[in-house]
Amino acid sequence: MELFRSHCYSIYCNSLWSRYKVATMNRPKVCHNDILKRLLGLPRWCSSSLAFARNGVNNLDVIRRHSMFSLRSRVELSTNSIITSVRQSSAYVCEPIQQRWLGLLFVQNVG
């Protein structure tokens, strides 16, 4: 599991992925699931959710949420003048990536 965590948690810049189709995002997710199953010697058809839960490792959705939260927190707390200027601009609030972050970080109850 340490091998999986050290190599499959480091998906650099995934917090910046904002424009993609669901089908496109499913490809790395399936690959991520398959890697864990192969490391555990499980068949490809077995439950990925169960494999992640039993072994105490995060799936790709959780890794992405953690990355987004970390980046967003660093941007919000930064005292760098350039980052502060961008953060205070109206473009920052309206940008698709900001909307994606909010959509993934804050799950809304429907119904």
N, C-alpha and C. Protein backbone atom coordinates (compact mmCIF):
# COMPACT_ATOMS: atom_id res chain seq x y z
N MET A 1 0.81 -1.19 0.00
CA MET A 1 0.00 0.00 0.00
C MET A 1 0.86 1.26 0.00
N GLU A 2 2.05 1.14 0.60
CA GLU A 2 2.95 2.29 0.59
C GLU A 2 3.41 2.60 -0.83
N LEU A 3 3.64 1.57 -1.62
CA LEU A 3 4.01 1.74 -3.03
C LEU A 3 2.88 2.45 -3.78
N PHE A 4 1.66 2.03 -3.55
CA PHE A 4 0.51 2.66 -4.21
C PHE A 4 0.39 4.12 -3.78
N ARG A 5 0.48 4.39 -2.48
CA ARG A 5 0.36 5.77 -1.99
C ARG A 5 1.46 6.67 -2.56
N SER A 6 2.69 6.17 -2.57
CA SER A 6 3.80 7.02 -3.00
C SER A 6 3.78 7.30 -4.51
N HIS A 7 3.28 6.37 -5.29
CA HIS A 7 3.30 6.57 -6.75
C HIS A 7 1.96 7.00 -7.34
N CYS A 8 0.86 6.61 -6.73
CA CYS A 8 -0.44 6.88 -7.33
C CYS A 8 -1.20 8.02 -6.66
N TYR A 9 -0.66 8.59 -5.60
CA TYR A 9 -1.27 9.77 -4.99
C TYR A 9 -0.71 11.04 -5.61
N SER A 10 0.46 10.94 -6.22
CA SER A 10 1.13 12.11 -6.79
C SER A 10 0.68 12.33 -8.23
N ILE A 11 -0.47 12.90 -8.38
CA ILE A 11 -1.00 13.20 -9.71
C ILE A 11 -0.87 14.71 -9.85
N TYR A 12 0.28 15.11 -10.32
CA TYR A 12 0.63 16.52 -10.33
C TYR A 12 -0.33 17.36 -11.16
N CYS A 13 -0.67 18.50 -10.62
CA CYS A 13 -1.53 19.51 -11.25
C CYS A 13 -2.97 19.06 -11.42
N ASN A 14 -3.39 17.97 -10.78
CA ASN A 14 -4.78 17.55 -10.95
C ASN A 14 -5.77 18.56 -10.39
N SER A 15 -5.32 19.42 -9.49
CA SER A 15 -6.20 20.46 -8.96
C SER A 15 -6.52 21.51 -10.00
N LEU A 16 -5.78 21.52 -11.10
CA LEU A 16 -6.03 22.49 -12.17
C LEU A 16 -6.90 21.92 -13.29
N TRP A 17 -7.26 20.66 -13.20
CA TRP A 17 -8.11 20.07 -14.22
C TRP A 17 -9.51 20.65 -14.05
N SER A 18 -9.93 21.47 -14.98
CA SER A 18 -11.24 22.09 -14.82
C SER A 18 -12.18 21.83 -16.01
N ARG A 19 -11.63 21.66 -17.17
CA ARG A 19 -12.48 21.47 -18.35
C ARG A 19 -12.25 20.07 -18.91
N TYR A 20 -13.17 19.21 -18.62
CA TYR A 20 -13.08 17.85 -19.13
C TYR A 20 -14.47 17.25 -19.16
N LYS A 21 -14.63 16.24 -19.97
CA LYS A 21 -15.89 15.51 -20.03
C LYS A 21 -15.82 14.38 -19.01
N VAL A 22 -16.96 13.92 -18.56
CA VAL A 22 -17.00 12.83 -17.59
C VAL A 22 -16.29 11.60 -18.14
N ALA A 23 -16.52 11.29 -19.40
CA ALA A 23 -15.88 10.12 -20.01
C ALA A 23 -14.36 10.25 -20.01
N THR A 24 -13.86 11.46 -20.23
CA THR A 24 -12.42 11.70 -20.22
C THR A 24 -11.85 11.48 -18.82
N MET A 25 -12.56 11.94 -17.81
CA MET A 25 -12.09 11.79 -16.43
C MET A 25 -12.18 10.35 -15.95
N ASN A 26 -13.06 9.57 -16.56
CA ASN A 26 -13.19 8.17 -16.15
C ASN A 26 -11.97 7.34 -16.54
N ARG A 27 -11.25 7.74 -17.58
CA ARG A 27 -10.07 6.96 -18.01
C ARG A 27 -9.00 6.87 -16.93
N PRO A 28 -8.54 8.01 -16.38
CA PRO A 28 -7.54 7.87 -15.31
C PRO A 28 -8.11 7.21 -14.06
N LYS A 29 -9.40 7.37 -13.83
CA LYS A 29 -10.03 6.75 -12.67
C LYS A 29 -10.01 5.22 -12.79
N VAL A 30 -10.35 4.71 -13.97
CA VAL A 30 -10.32 3.27 -14.21
C VAL A 30 -8.89 2.74 -14.09
N CYS A 31 -7.94 3.48 -14.64
CA CYS A 31 -6.53 3.10 -14.55
C CYS A 31 -6.08 3.06 -13.09
N HIS A 32 -6.44 4.05 -12.33
CA HIS A 32 -6.10 4.14 -10.92
C HIS A 32 -6.66 2.93 -10.16
N ASN A 33 -7.93 2.60 -10.44
CA ASN A 33 -8.57 1.44 -9.81
C ASN A 33 -7.86 0.14 -10.20
N ASP A 34 -7.54 0.01 -11.49
CA ASP A 34 -6.89 -1.21 -11.97
C ASP A 34 -5.50 -1.41 -11.35
N ILE A 35 -4.77 -0.33 -11.16
CA ILE A 35 -3.44 -0.44 -10.55
C ILE A 35 -3.55 -1.02 -9.14
N LEU A 36 -4.50 -0.50 -8.36
CA LEU A 36 -4.67 -1.03 -6.99
C LEU A 36 -5.03 -2.51 -7.03
N LYS A 37 -5.94 -2.88 -7.89
CA LYS A 37 -6.36 -4.28 -7.97
C LYS A 37 -5.20 -5.19 -8.38
N ARG A 38 -4.38 -4.73 -9.30
CA ARG A 38 -3.22 -5.54 -9.72
C ARG A 38 -2.22 -5.70 -8.59
N LEU A 39 -1.97 -4.61 -7.85
CA LEU A 39 -1.04 -4.70 -6.72
C LEU A 39 -1.55 -5.66 -5.66
N LEU A 40 -2.86 -5.74 -5.51
CA LEU A 40 -3.46 -6.63 -4.51
C LEU A 40 -3.73 -8.03 -5.05
N GLY A 41 -3.53 -8.23 -6.35
CA GLY A 41 -3.79 -9.53 -6.96
C GLY A 41 -5.27 -9.84 -7.08
N LEU A 42 -6.09 -8.81 -7.18
CA LEU A 42 -7.53 -8.99 -7.30
C LEU A 42 -7.95 -9.02 -8.77
N PRO A 43 -9.04 -9.71 -9.08
CA PRO A 43 -9.53 -9.70 -10.46
C PRO A 43 -10.05 -8.32 -10.84
N ARG A 44 -10.00 -8.01 -12.12
CA ARG A 44 -10.38 -6.68 -12.61
C ARG A 44 -11.85 -6.36 -12.34
N TRP A 45 -12.69 -7.39 -12.25
CA TRP A 45 -14.13 -7.18 -12.10
C TRP A 45 -14.56 -6.96 -10.65
N CYS A 46 -13.67 -7.13 -9.68
CA CYS A 46 -14.08 -6.97 -8.28
C CYS A 46 -14.29 -5.49 -7.94
N SER A 47 -14.93 -5.24 -6.84
CA SER A 47 -15.31 -3.89 -6.43
C SER A 47 -14.08 -3.04 -6.08
N SER A 48 -13.95 -1.93 -6.77
CA SER A 48 -12.86 -1.00 -6.47
C SER A 48 -13.09 -0.32 -5.13
N SER A 49 -14.32 0.07 -4.87
CA SER A 49 -14.64 0.75 -3.62
C SER A 49 -14.27 -0.10 -2.42
N LEU A 50 -14.58 -1.36 -2.49
CA LEU A 50 -14.26 -2.28 -1.40
C LEU A 50 -12.75 -2.42 -1.24
N ALA A 51 -12.02 -2.51 -2.35
CA ALA A 51 -10.56 -2.64 -2.30
C ALA A 51 -9.93 -1.39 -1.67
N PHE A 52 -10.41 -0.21 -2.03
CA PHE A 52 -9.89 1.02 -1.45
C PHE A 52 -10.20 1.09 0.04
N ALA A 53 -11.45 0.77 0.41
CA ALA A 53 -11.86 0.86 1.81
C ALA A 53 -11.12 -0.14 2.69
N ARG A 54 -11.00 -1.37 2.24
CA ARG A 54 -10.34 -2.41 3.05
C ARG A 54 -8.86 -2.13 3.26
N ASN A 55 -8.25 -1.42 2.34
CA ASN A 55 -6.81 -1.19 2.42
C ASN A 55 -6.45 0.22 2.88
N GLY A 56 -7.46 1.01 3.21
CA GLY A 56 -7.24 2.33 3.77
C GLY A 56 -6.52 3.29 2.84
N VAL A 57 -6.81 3.21 1.55
CA VAL A 57 -6.21 4.13 0.59
C VAL A 57 -7.32 4.94 -0.08
N ASN A 58 -6.96 6.11 -0.56
CA ASN A 58 -7.92 7.01 -1.19
C ASN A 58 -8.10 6.71 -2.66
N ASN A 59 -9.33 6.87 -3.13
CA ASN A 59 -9.57 6.73 -4.57
C ASN A 59 -9.23 8.05 -5.25
N LEU A 60 -9.31 8.08 -6.57
CA LEU A 60 -8.91 9.25 -7.34
C LEU A 60 -9.76 10.48 -7.01
N ASP A 61 -11.05 10.30 -6.76
CA ASP A 61 -11.90 11.44 -6.42
C ASP A 61 -11.45 12.11 -5.12
N VAL A 62 -11.11 11.32 -4.13
CA VAL A 62 -10.65 11.87 -2.85
C VAL A 62 -9.30 12.56 -3.02
N ILE A 63 -8.41 11.96 -3.77
CA ILE A 63 -7.10 12.56 -4.02
C ILE A 63 -7.27 13.91 -4.71
N ARG A 64 -8.15 13.98 -5.69
CA ARG A 64 -8.40 15.25 -6.39
C ARG A 64 -8.98 16.30 -5.46
N ARG A 65 -9.95 15.91 -4.62
CA ARG A 65 -10.54 16.88 -3.69
C ARG A 65 -9.49 17.41 -2.71
N HIS A 66 -8.63 16.54 -2.21
CA HIS A 66 -7.57 16.98 -1.30
C HIS A 66 -6.63 17.96 -2.01
N SER A 67 -6.26 17.64 -3.26
CA SER A 67 -5.38 18.52 -4.02
C SER A 67 -6.01 19.88 -4.28
N MET A 68 -7.28 19.87 -4.65
CA MET A 68 -7.99 21.13 -4.90
C MET A 68 -8.10 21.96 -3.64
N PHE A 69 -8.44 21.32 -2.54
CA PHE A 69 -8.57 22.04 -1.28
C PHE A 69 -7.23 22.64 -0.86
N SER A 70 -6.17 21.87 -1.02
CA SER A 70 -4.84 22.35 -0.67
C SER A 70 -4.43 23.56 -1.51
N LEU A 71 -4.61 23.47 -2.82
CA LEU A 71 -4.25 24.59 -3.70
C LEU A 71 -5.12 25.80 -3.39
N ARG A 72 -6.41 25.59 -3.26
CA ARG A 72 -7.31 26.71 -2.99
C ARG A 72 -6.96 27.37 -1.65
N SER A 73 -6.64 26.59 -0.65
CA SER A 73 -6.24 27.15 0.65
C SER A 73 -4.97 27.98 0.53
N ARG A 74 -4.00 27.47 -0.22
CA ARG A 74 -2.74 28.21 -0.39
C ARG A 74 -2.98 29.52 -1.13
N VAL A 75 -3.85 29.50 -2.14
CA VAL A 75 -4.16 30.72 -2.88
C VAL A 75 -4.86 31.72 -1.97
N GLU A 76 -5.83 31.26 -1.20
CA GLU A 76 -6.59 32.14 -0.32
C GLU A 76 -5.73 32.74 0.80
N LEU A 77 -4.73 32.01 1.27
CA LEU A 77 -3.90 32.48 2.38
C LEU A 77 -2.61 33.16 1.95
N SER A 78 -2.34 33.17 0.67
CA SER A 78 -1.08 33.72 0.17
C SER A 78 -1.00 35.23 0.39
N THR A 79 0.20 35.68 0.75
CA THR A 79 0.45 37.12 0.88
C THR A 79 1.26 37.65 -0.30
N ASN A 80 1.55 36.79 -1.25
CA ASN A 80 2.26 37.20 -2.45
C ASN A 80 1.42 38.24 -3.19
N SER A 81 2.05 39.34 -3.59
CA SER A 81 1.30 40.45 -4.20
C SER A 81 0.64 40.06 -5.53
N ILE A 82 1.28 39.23 -6.31
CA ILE A 82 0.70 38.81 -7.60
C ILE A 82 -0.51 37.92 -7.35
N ILE A 83 -0.35 36.95 -6.48
CA ILE A 83 -1.47 36.04 -6.18
C ILE A 83 -2.62 36.80 -5.53
N THR A 84 -2.31 37.72 -4.65
CA THR A 84 -3.34 38.54 -4.01
C THR A 84 -4.09 39.36 -5.05
N SER A 85 -3.39 39.93 -5.99
CA SER A 85 -4.01 40.73 -7.04
C SER A 85 -4.95 39.88 -7.89
N VAL A 86 -4.51 38.71 -8.27
CA VAL A 86 -5.36 37.81 -9.06
C VAL A 86 -6.56 37.36 -8.23
N ARG A 87 -6.33 36.99 -6.98
CA ARG A 87 -7.39 36.52 -6.11
C ARG A 87 -8.47 37.59 -5.91
N GLN A 88 -8.10 38.83 -5.88
CA GLN A 88 -9.05 39.92 -5.65
C GLN A 88 -9.74 40.39 -6.92
N SER A 89 -9.33 39.87 -8.05
CA SER A 89 -9.95 40.28 -9.32
C SER A 89 -11.28 39.55 -9.51
N SER A 90 -12.15 40.16 -10.28
CA SER A 90 -13.45 39.53 -10.56
C SER A 90 -13.27 38.29 -11.44
N ALA A 91 -12.20 38.26 -12.21
CA ALA A 91 -11.95 37.10 -13.08
C ALA A 91 -11.72 35.84 -12.26
N TYR A 92 -11.10 35.97 -11.12
CA TYR A 92 -10.81 34.81 -10.27
C TYR A 92 -12.10 34.15 -9.81
N VAL A 93 -13.06 34.95 -9.39
CA VAL A 93 -14.32 34.43 -8.87
C VAL A 93 -15.15 33.78 -9.97
N CYS A 94 -15.08 34.30 -11.17
CA CYS A 94 -15.93 33.83 -12.27
C CYS A 94 -15.28 32.76 -13.14
N GLU A 95 -14.02 32.47 -12.93
CA GLU A 95 -13.31 31.51 -13.78
C GLU A 95 -13.88 30.10 -13.62
N PRO A 96 -13.85 29.30 -14.69
CA PRO A 96 -14.36 27.93 -14.63
C PRO A 96 -13.66 27.08 -13.58
N ILE A 97 -12.37 27.29 -13.36
CA ILE A 97 -11.67 26.46 -12.38
C ILE A 97 -12.20 26.73 -10.97
N GLN A 98 -12.51 27.98 -10.68
CA GLN A 98 -13.07 28.31 -9.36
C GLN A 98 -14.43 27.65 -9.19
N GLN A 99 -15.24 27.66 -10.23
CA GLN A 99 -16.55 27.03 -10.18
C GLN A 99 -16.40 25.51 -10.02
N ARG A 100 -15.41 24.93 -10.69
CA ARG A 100 -15.16 23.49 -10.57
C ARG A 100 -14.73 23.14 -9.15
N TRP A 101 -13.83 23.95 -8.59
CA TRP A 101 -13.38 23.72 -7.21
C TRP A 101 -14.57 23.73 -6.26
N LEU A 102 -15.40 24.74 -6.38
CA LEU A 102 -16.54 24.85 -5.48
C LEU A 102 -17.51 23.69 -5.66
N GLY A 103 -17.71 23.28 -6.90
CA GLY A 103 -18.60 22.16 -7.17
C GLY A 103 -18.09 20.85 -6.60
N LEU A 104 -16.80 20.64 -6.61
CA LEU A 104 -16.24 19.40 -6.09
C LEU A 104 -16.00 19.44 -4.59
N LEU A 105 -15.71 20.60 -4.05
CA LEU A 105 -15.42 20.70 -2.62
C LEU A 105 -16.67 20.77 -1.77
N PHE A 106 -17.72 21.37 -2.29
CA PHE A 106 -18.93 21.55 -1.52
C PHE A 106 -20.07 20.83 -2.21
N VAL A 107 -20.34 19.62 -1.77
CA VAL A 107 -21.40 18.80 -2.35
C VAL A 107 -22.74 19.32 -1.85
N GLN A 108 -23.64 19.54 -2.78
CA GLN A 108 -24.96 20.06 -2.42
C GLN A 108 -25.95 18.93 -2.27
N ASN A 109 -26.83 19.04 -1.28
CA ASN A 109 -27.91 18.07 -1.11
C ASN A 109 -29.03 18.41 -2.09
N VAL A 110 -29.44 17.43 -2.86
CA VAL A 110 -30.50 17.65 -3.84
C VAL A 110 -31.75 16.93 -3.35
N GLY A 111 -32.88 17.64 -3.37
CA GLY A 111 -34.15 17.03 -3.01
C GLY A 111 -34.36 17.11 -1.58
